[in-house]
Every structure is written in C-alpha cells, then in structure tokens.
Amino acid sequence: PVVFFQQVPEGKTVKNRLHFCLQPTD
C-alpha cells in the first residue's frame, strides 16, 4: 500500500488504534 499523509487541524491525543510494526531487513 501507499502511505498517505493527510493534514488535519487537531493534534494526536490518544494511543493509536492502528500502527506499523517494522521488521528491519538489513
């Protein structure tokens, strides 16, 4: 998937309900 960034007026206030889990490749 594409990673899409969208401007919103409010800041983050609570824990993410969805997040990336990254696994290093090298």
PDB file of all heavy atoms in Angstrom:
ATOM      1  N   PRO A   1       0.805  -1.214   0.000  1.00  0.00           N
ATOM      2  CA  PRO A   1       0.000   0.000   0.000  1.00  0.00           C
ATOM      3  C   PRO A   1       0.845   1.275   0.000  1.00  0.00           C
ATOM      4  O   PRO A   1       1.982   1.291   0.458  1.00  0.00           O
ATOM      5  CB  PRO A   1      -0.812  -0.104   1.287  1.00  0.00           C
ATOM      6  CG  PRO A   1      -0.021  -0.992   2.177  1.00  0.00           C
ATOM      7  CD  PRO A   1       0.720  -1.933   1.273  1.00  0.00           C
ATOM      8  N   VAL A   2       0.254   2.311  -0.529  1.00  0.00           N
ATOM      9  CA  VAL A   2       0.805   3.660  -0.474  1.00  0.00           C
ATOM     10  C   VAL A   2       0.623   4.171   0.954  1.00  0.00           C
ATOM     11  O   VAL A   2      -0.332   3.805   1.637  1.00  0.00           O
ATOM     12  CB  VAL A   2       0.025   4.559  -1.473  1.00  0.00           C
ATOM     13  CG1 VAL A   2       0.319   6.025  -1.269  1.00  0.00           C
ATOM     14  CG2 VAL A   2       0.297   4.121  -2.901  1.00  0.00           C
ATOM     15  N   VAL A   3       1.540   5.006   1.442  1.00  0.00           N
ATOM     16  CA  VAL A   3       1.363   5.663   2.731  1.00  0.00           C
ATOM     17  C   VAL A   3       0.928   7.089   2.418  1.00  0.00           C
ATOM     18  O   VAL A   3       1.633   7.841   1.734  1.00  0.00           O
ATOM     19  CB  VAL A   3       2.646   5.642   3.583  1.00  0.00           C
ATOM     20  CG1 VAL A   3       2.383   6.284   4.940  1.00  0.00           C
ATOM     21  CG2 VAL A   3       3.149   4.213   3.756  1.00  0.00           C
ATOM     22  N   PHE A   4      -0.266   7.440   2.872  1.00  0.00           N
ATOM     23  CA  PHE A   4      -0.912   8.715   2.561  1.00  0.00           C
ATOM     24  C   PHE A   4      -0.956   9.570   3.817  1.00  0.00           C
ATOM     25  O   PHE A   4      -1.384   9.103   4.872  1.00  0.00           O
ATOM     26  CB  PHE A   4      -2.336   8.425   2.063  1.00  0.00           C
ATOM     27  CG  PHE A   4      -3.176   9.625   1.809  1.00  0.00           C
ATOM     28  CD1 PHE A   4      -2.994  10.391   0.675  1.00  0.00           C
ATOM     29  CD2 PHE A   4      -4.176   9.995   2.692  1.00  0.00           C
ATOM     30  CE1 PHE A   4      -3.783  11.500   0.426  1.00  0.00           C
ATOM     31  CE2 PHE A   4      -4.974  11.100   2.466  1.00  0.00           C
ATOM     32  CZ  PHE A   4      -4.769  11.854   1.326  1.00  0.00           C
ATOM     33  N   PHE A   5      -0.490  10.806   3.720  1.00  0.00           N
ATOM     34  CA  PHE A   5      -0.478  11.738   4.845  1.00  0.00           C
ATOM     35  C   PHE A   5      -1.510  12.819   4.572  1.00  0.00           C
ATOM     36  O   PHE A   5      -1.516  13.419   3.502  1.00  0.00           O
ATOM     37  CB  PHE A   5       0.915  12.352   5.017  1.00  0.00           C
ATOM     38  CG  PHE A   5       1.954  11.319   5.304  1.00  0.00           C
ATOM     39  CD1 PHE A   5       2.567  10.622   4.275  1.00  0.00           C
ATOM     40  CD2 PHE A   5       2.289  11.005   6.606  1.00  0.00           C
ATOM     41  CE1 PHE A   5       3.511   9.644   4.535  1.00  0.00           C
ATOM     42  CE2 PHE A   5       3.220  10.033   6.886  1.00  0.00           C
ATOM     43  CZ  PHE A   5       3.837   9.345   5.848  1.00  0.00           C
ATOM     44  N   GLN A   6      -2.346  13.054   5.555  1.00  0.00           N
ATOM     45  CA  GLN A   6      -3.463  13.988   5.408  1.00  0.00           C
ATOM     46  C   GLN A   6      -3.399  15.016   6.531  1.00  0.00           C
ATOM     47  O   GLN A   6      -3.332  14.660   7.706  1.00  0.00           O
ATOM     48  CB  GLN A   6      -4.745  13.166   5.485  1.00  0.00           C
ATOM     49  CG  GLN A   6      -6.001  13.873   5.798  1.00  0.00           C
ATOM     50  CD  GLN A   6      -7.142  12.890   5.801  1.00  0.00           C
ATOM     51  OE1 GLN A   6      -7.662  12.569   4.749  1.00  0.00           O
ATOM     52  NE2 GLN A   6      -7.534  12.388   6.957  1.00  0.00           N
ATOM     53  N   GLN A   7      -3.412  16.277   6.152  1.00  0.00           N
ATOM     54  CA  GLN A   7      -3.363  17.350   7.146  1.00  0.00           C
ATOM     55  C   GLN A   7      -4.709  17.465   7.852  1.00  0.00           C
ATOM     56  O   GLN A   7      -5.757  17.475   7.212  1.00  0.00           O
ATOM     57  CB  GLN A   7      -3.020  18.668   6.462  1.00  0.00           C
ATOM     58  CG  GLN A   7      -2.785  19.805   7.414  1.00  0.00           C
ATOM     59  CD  GLN A   7      -2.374  21.058   6.655  1.00  0.00           C
ATOM     60  OE1 GLN A   7      -2.967  21.402   5.639  1.00  0.00           O
ATOM     61  NE2 GLN A   7      -1.352  21.722   7.158  1.00  0.00           N
ATOM     62  N   VAL A   8      -4.661  17.503   9.172  1.00  0.00           N
ATOM     63  CA  VAL A   8      -5.863  17.689   9.987  1.00  0.00           C
ATOM     64  C   VAL A   8      -5.586  18.795  11.004  1.00  0.00           C
ATOM     65  O   VAL A   8      -4.433  19.024  11.372  1.00  0.00           O
ATOM     66  CB  VAL A   8      -6.291  16.383  10.697  1.00  0.00           C
ATOM     67  CG1 VAL A   8      -6.672  15.303   9.692  1.00  0.00           C
ATOM     68  CG2 VAL A   8      -5.215  15.875  11.629  1.00  0.00           C
ATOM     69  N   PRO A   9      -6.616  19.485  11.470  1.00  0.00           N
ATOM     70  CA  PRO A   9      -6.389  20.607  12.381  1.00  0.00           C
ATOM     71  C   PRO A   9      -6.049  20.203  13.814  1.00  0.00           C
ATOM     72  O   PRO A   9      -5.368  20.930  14.522  1.00  0.00           O
ATOM     73  CB  PRO A   9      -7.708  21.370  12.335  1.00  0.00           C
ATOM     74  CG  PRO A   9      -8.723  20.354  11.939  1.00  0.00           C
ATOM     75  CD  PRO A   9      -8.004  19.375  11.051  1.00  0.00           C
ATOM     76  N   GLU A  10      -6.492  19.035  14.236  1.00  0.00           N
ATOM     77  CA  GLU A  10      -6.276  18.637  15.631  1.00  0.00           C
ATOM     78  C   GLU A  10      -5.022  17.781  15.747  1.00  0.00           C
ATOM     79  O   GLU A  10      -4.640  17.070  14.829  1.00  0.00           O
ATOM     80  CB  GLU A  10      -7.487  17.869  16.169  1.00  0.00           C
ATOM     81  CG  GLU A  10      -7.730  16.515  15.559  1.00  0.00           C
ATOM     82  CD  GLU A  10      -8.448  16.520  14.214  1.00  0.00           C
ATOM     83  OE1 GLU A  10      -8.937  17.576  13.770  1.00  0.00           O
ATOM     84  OE2 GLU A  10      -8.517  15.442  13.605  1.00  0.00           O
ATOM     85  N   GLY A  11      -4.391  17.850  16.908  1.00  0.00           N
ATOM     86  CA  GLY A  11      -3.224  17.028  17.184  1.00  0.00           C
ATOM     87  C   GLY A  11      -3.624  15.664  17.709  1.00  0.00           C
ATOM     88  O   GLY A  11      -4.781  15.425  18.051  1.00  0.00           O
ATOM     89  N   LYS A  12      -2.669  14.762  17.792  1.00  0.00           N
ATOM     90  CA  LYS A  12      -2.913  13.431  18.333  1.00  0.00           C
ATOM     91  C   LYS A  12      -3.133  13.548  19.841  1.00  0.00           C
ATOM     92  O   LYS A  12      -2.400  14.250  20.522  1.00  0.00           O
ATOM     93  CB  LYS A  12      -1.708  12.537  18.049  1.00  0.00           C
ATOM     94  CG  LYS A  12      -1.892  11.128  18.540  1.00  0.00           C
ATOM     95  CD  LYS A  12      -0.658  10.301  18.222  1.00  0.00           C
ATOM     96  CE  LYS A  12      -0.708   8.969  18.878  1.00  0.00           C
ATOM     97  NZ  LYS A  12      -0.782   9.001  20.325  1.00  0.00           N
ATOM     98  N   THR A  13      -4.146  12.856  20.345  1.00  0.00           N
ATOM     99  CA  THR A  13      -4.461  12.968  21.770  1.00  0.00           C
ATOM    100  C   THR A  13      -4.478  11.639  22.511  1.00  0.00           C
ATOM    101  O   THR A  13      -4.382  11.621  23.728  1.00  0.00           O
ATOM    102  CB  THR A  13      -5.825  13.659  21.987  1.00  0.00           C
ATOM    103  OG1 THR A  13      -6.833  12.914  21.301  1.00  0.00           O
ATOM    104  CG2 THR A  13      -5.803  15.085  21.469  1.00  0.00           C
ATOM    105  N   VAL A  14      -4.644  10.527  21.802  1.00  0.00           N
ATOM    106  CA  VAL A  14      -4.720   9.223  22.471  1.00  0.00           C
ATOM    107  C   VAL A  14      -3.870   8.204  21.719  1.00  0.00           C
ATOM    108  O   VAL A  14      -3.368   8.474  20.631  1.00  0.00           O
ATOM    109  CB  VAL A  14      -6.172   8.705  22.571  1.00  0.00           C
ATOM    110  CG1 VAL A  14      -7.019   9.625  23.429  1.00  0.00           C
ATOM    111  CG2 VAL A  14      -6.797   8.538  21.205  1.00  0.00           C
ATOM    112  N   LYS A  15      -3.745   7.026  22.297  1.00  0.00           N
ATOM    113  CA  LYS A  15      -2.979   5.946  21.679  1.00  0.00           C
ATOM    114  C   LYS A  15      -3.560   5.590  20.305  1.00  0.00           C
ATOM    115  O   LYS A  15      -4.774   5.580  20.119  1.00  0.00           O
ATOM    116  CB  LYS A  15      -3.015   4.717  22.586  1.00  0.00           C
ATOM    117  CG  LYS A  15      -2.188   3.558  22.074  1.00  0.00           C
ATOM    118  CD  LYS A  15      -2.309   2.363  23.024  1.00  0.00           C
ATOM    119  CE  LYS A  15      -1.505   1.194  22.552  1.00  0.00           C
ATOM    120  NZ  LYS A  15      -1.925   0.627  21.284  1.00  0.00           N
ATOM    121  N   ASN A  16      -2.659   5.267  19.370  1.00  0.00           N
ATOM    122  CA  ASN A  16      -3.100   4.821  18.048  1.00  0.00           C
ATOM    123  C   ASN A  16      -3.954   3.559  18.177  1.00  0.00           C
ATOM    124  O   ASN A  16      -3.661   2.700  19.005  1.00  0.00           O
ATOM    125  CB  ASN A  16      -1.908   4.421  17.173  1.00  0.00           C
ATOM    126  CG  ASN A  16      -0.920   5.507  16.905  1.00  0.00           C
ATOM    127  OD1 ASN A  16      -0.883   6.530  17.566  1.00  0.00           O
ATOM    128  ND2 ASN A  16      -0.097   5.271  15.925  1.00  0.00           N
ATOM    129  N   ARG A  17      -4.946   3.423  17.354  1.00  0.00           N
ATOM    130  CA  ARG A  17      -5.712   2.179  17.281  1.00  0.00           C
ATOM    131  C   ARG A  17      -5.140   1.265  16.205  1.00  0.00           C
ATOM    132  O   ARG A  17      -5.463   0.090  16.136  1.00  0.00           O
ATOM    133  CB  ARG A  17      -7.186   2.479  16.977  1.00  0.00           C
ATOM    134  CG  ARG A  17      -7.919   3.231  18.061  1.00  0.00           C
ATOM    135  CD  ARG A  17      -8.073   2.432  19.346  1.00  0.00           C
ATOM    136  NE  ARG A  17      -8.783   1.200  19.178  1.00  0.00           N
ATOM    137  CZ  ARG A  17     -10.060   1.012  19.441  1.00  0.00           C
ATOM    138  NH1 ARG A  17     -10.795   1.996  19.909  1.00  0.00           N
ATOM    139  NH2 ARG A  17     -10.622  -0.145  19.249  1.00  0.00           N
ATOM    140  N   LEU A  18      -4.308   1.805  15.334  1.00  0.00           N
ATOM    141  CA  LEU A  18      -3.661   1.065  14.260  1.00  0.00           C
ATOM    142  C   LEU A  18      -2.239   1.596  14.182  1.00  0.00           C
ATOM    143  O   LEU A  18      -2.033   2.811  14.304  1.00  0.00           O
ATOM    144  CB  LEU A  18      -4.397   1.319  12.943  1.00  0.00           C
ATOM    145  CG  LEU A  18      -3.828   0.709  11.673  1.00  0.00           C
ATOM    146  CD1 LEU A  18      -4.087  -0.794  11.659  1.00  0.00           C
ATOM    147  CD2 LEU A  18      -4.460   1.353  10.457  1.00  0.00           C
ATOM    148  N   HIS A  19      -1.263   0.711  14.018  1.00  0.00           N
ATOM    149  CA  HIS A  19       0.110   1.194  13.917  1.00  0.00           C
ATOM    150  C   HIS A  19       0.950   0.250  13.064  1.00  0.00           C
ATOM    151  O   HIS A  19       0.572  -0.891  12.821  1.00  0.00           O
ATOM    152  CB  HIS A  19       0.749   1.352  15.310  1.00  0.00           C
ATOM    153  CG  HIS A  19       0.918   0.079  16.057  1.00  0.00           C
ATOM    154  ND1 HIS A  19      -0.023  -0.378  16.959  1.00  0.00           N
ATOM    155  CD2 HIS A  19       1.901  -0.849  16.051  1.00  0.00           C
ATOM    156  CE1 HIS A  19       0.378  -1.530  17.462  1.00  0.00           C
ATOM    157  NE2 HIS A  19       1.544  -1.839  16.927  1.00  0.00           N
ATOM    158  N   PHE A  20       2.082   0.765  12.605  1.00  0.00           N
ATOM    159  CA  PHE A  20       3.029  -0.046  11.852  1.00  0.00           C
ATOM    160  C   PHE A  20       3.849  -0.891  12.818  1.00  0.00           C
ATOM    161  O   PHE A  20       4.226  -0.427  13.886  1.00  0.00           O
ATOM    162  CB  PHE A  20       4.012   0.833  11.069  1.00  0.00           C
ATOM    163  CG  PHE A  20       3.399   1.639   9.964  1.00  0.00           C
ATOM    164  CD1 PHE A  20       3.572   3.009   9.938  1.00  0.00           C
ATOM    165  CD2 PHE A  20       2.688   1.041   8.942  1.00  0.00           C
ATOM    166  CE1 PHE A  20       3.036   3.771   8.919  1.00  0.00           C
ATOM    167  CE2 PHE A  20       2.150   1.792   7.916  1.00  0.00           C
ATOM    168  CZ  PHE A  20       2.317   3.155   7.905  1.00  0.00           C
ATOM    169  N   CYS A  21       4.155  -2.123  12.416  1.00  0.00           N
ATOM    170  CA  CYS A  21       5.139  -2.952  13.080  1.00  0.00           C
ATOM    171  C   CYS A  21       6.231  -3.187  12.048  1.00  0.00           C
ATOM    172  O   CYS A  21       5.989  -3.812  11.019  1.00  0.00           O
ATOM    173  CB  CYS A  21       4.543  -4.285  13.529  1.00  0.00           C
ATOM    174  SG  CYS A  21       3.417  -4.119  14.924  1.00  0.00           S
ATOM    175  N   LEU A  22       7.405  -2.634  12.303  1.00  0.00           N
ATOM    176  CA  LEU A  22       8.508  -2.688  11.351  1.00  0.00           C
ATOM    177  C   LEU A  22       9.466  -3.807  11.712  1.00  0.00           C
ATOM    178  O   LEU A  22       9.796  -3.999  12.879  1.00  0.00           O
ATOM    179  CB  LEU A  22       9.268  -1.361  11.360  1.00  0.00           C
ATOM    180  CG  LEU A  22       8.431  -0.100  11.135  1.00  0.00           C
ATOM    181  CD1 LEU A  22       9.322   1.128  11.236  1.00  0.00           C
ATOM    182  CD2 LEU A  22       7.720  -0.148   9.791  1.00  0.00           C
ATOM    183  N   GLN A  23       9.940  -4.524  10.694  1.00  0.00           N
ATOM    184  CA  GLN A  23      10.962  -5.548  10.884  1.00  0.00           C
ATOM    185  C   GLN A  23      12.164  -5.137  10.039  1.00  0.00           C
ATOM    186  O   GLN A  23      12.064  -5.053   8.811  1.00  0.00           O
ATOM    187  CB  GLN A  23      10.468  -6.924  10.456  1.00  0.00           C
ATOM    188  CG  GLN A  23      11.472  -8.019  10.738  1.00  0.00           C
ATOM    189  CD  GLN A  23      10.964  -9.380  10.335  1.00  0.00           C
ATOM    190  OE1 GLN A  23      10.477  -9.561   9.225  1.00  0.00           O
ATOM    191  NE2 GLN A  23      11.091 -10.337  11.228  1.00  0.00           N
ATOM    192  N   PRO A  24      13.308  -4.856  10.669  1.00  0.00           N
ATOM    193  CA  PRO A  24      14.494  -4.465   9.907  1.00  0.00           C
ATOM    194  C   PRO A  24      14.887  -5.540   8.902  1.00  0.00           C
ATOM    195  O   PRO A  24      14.769  -6.737   9.181  1.00  0.00           O
ATOM    196  CB  PRO A  24      15.582  -4.309  10.971  1.00  0.00           C
ATOM    197  CG  PRO A  24      14.861  -4.212  12.271  1.00  0.00           C
ATOM    198  CD  PRO A  24      13.570  -4.930  12.108  1.00  0.00           C
ATOM    199  N   THR A  25      15.364  -5.108   7.743  1.00  0.00           N
ATOM    200  CA  THR A  25      15.752  -6.053   6.695  1.00  0.00           C
ATOM    201  C   THR A  25      17.250  -6.272   6.623  1.00  0.00           C
ATOM    202  O   THR A  25      17.689  -7.318   6.169  1.00  0.00           O
ATOM    203  CB  THR A  25      15.262  -5.557   5.320  1.00  0.00           C
ATOM    204  OG1 THR A  25      15.814  -4.259   5.086  1.00  0.00           O
ATOM    205  CG2 THR A  25      13.745  -5.497   5.273  1.00  0.00           C
ATOM    206  N   ASP A  26      18.045  -5.293   7.047  1.00  0.00           N
ATOM    207  CA  ASP A  26      19.490  -5.415   6.868  1.00  0.00           C
ATOM    208  C   ASP A  26      20.296  -4.984   8.096  1.00  0.00           C
ATOM    209  O   ASP A  26      21.461  -4.643   7.990  1.00  0.00           O
ATOM    210  CB  ASP A  26      19.939  -4.624   5.646  1.00  0.00           C
ATOM    211  CG  ASP A  26      19.589  -3.148   5.730  1.00  0.00           C
ATOM    212  OD1 ASP A  26      18.897  -2.734   6.681  1.00  0.00           O
ATOM    213  OD2 ASP A  26      20.008  -2.397   4.837  1.00  0.00           O
TER     214      ASP A  26
END
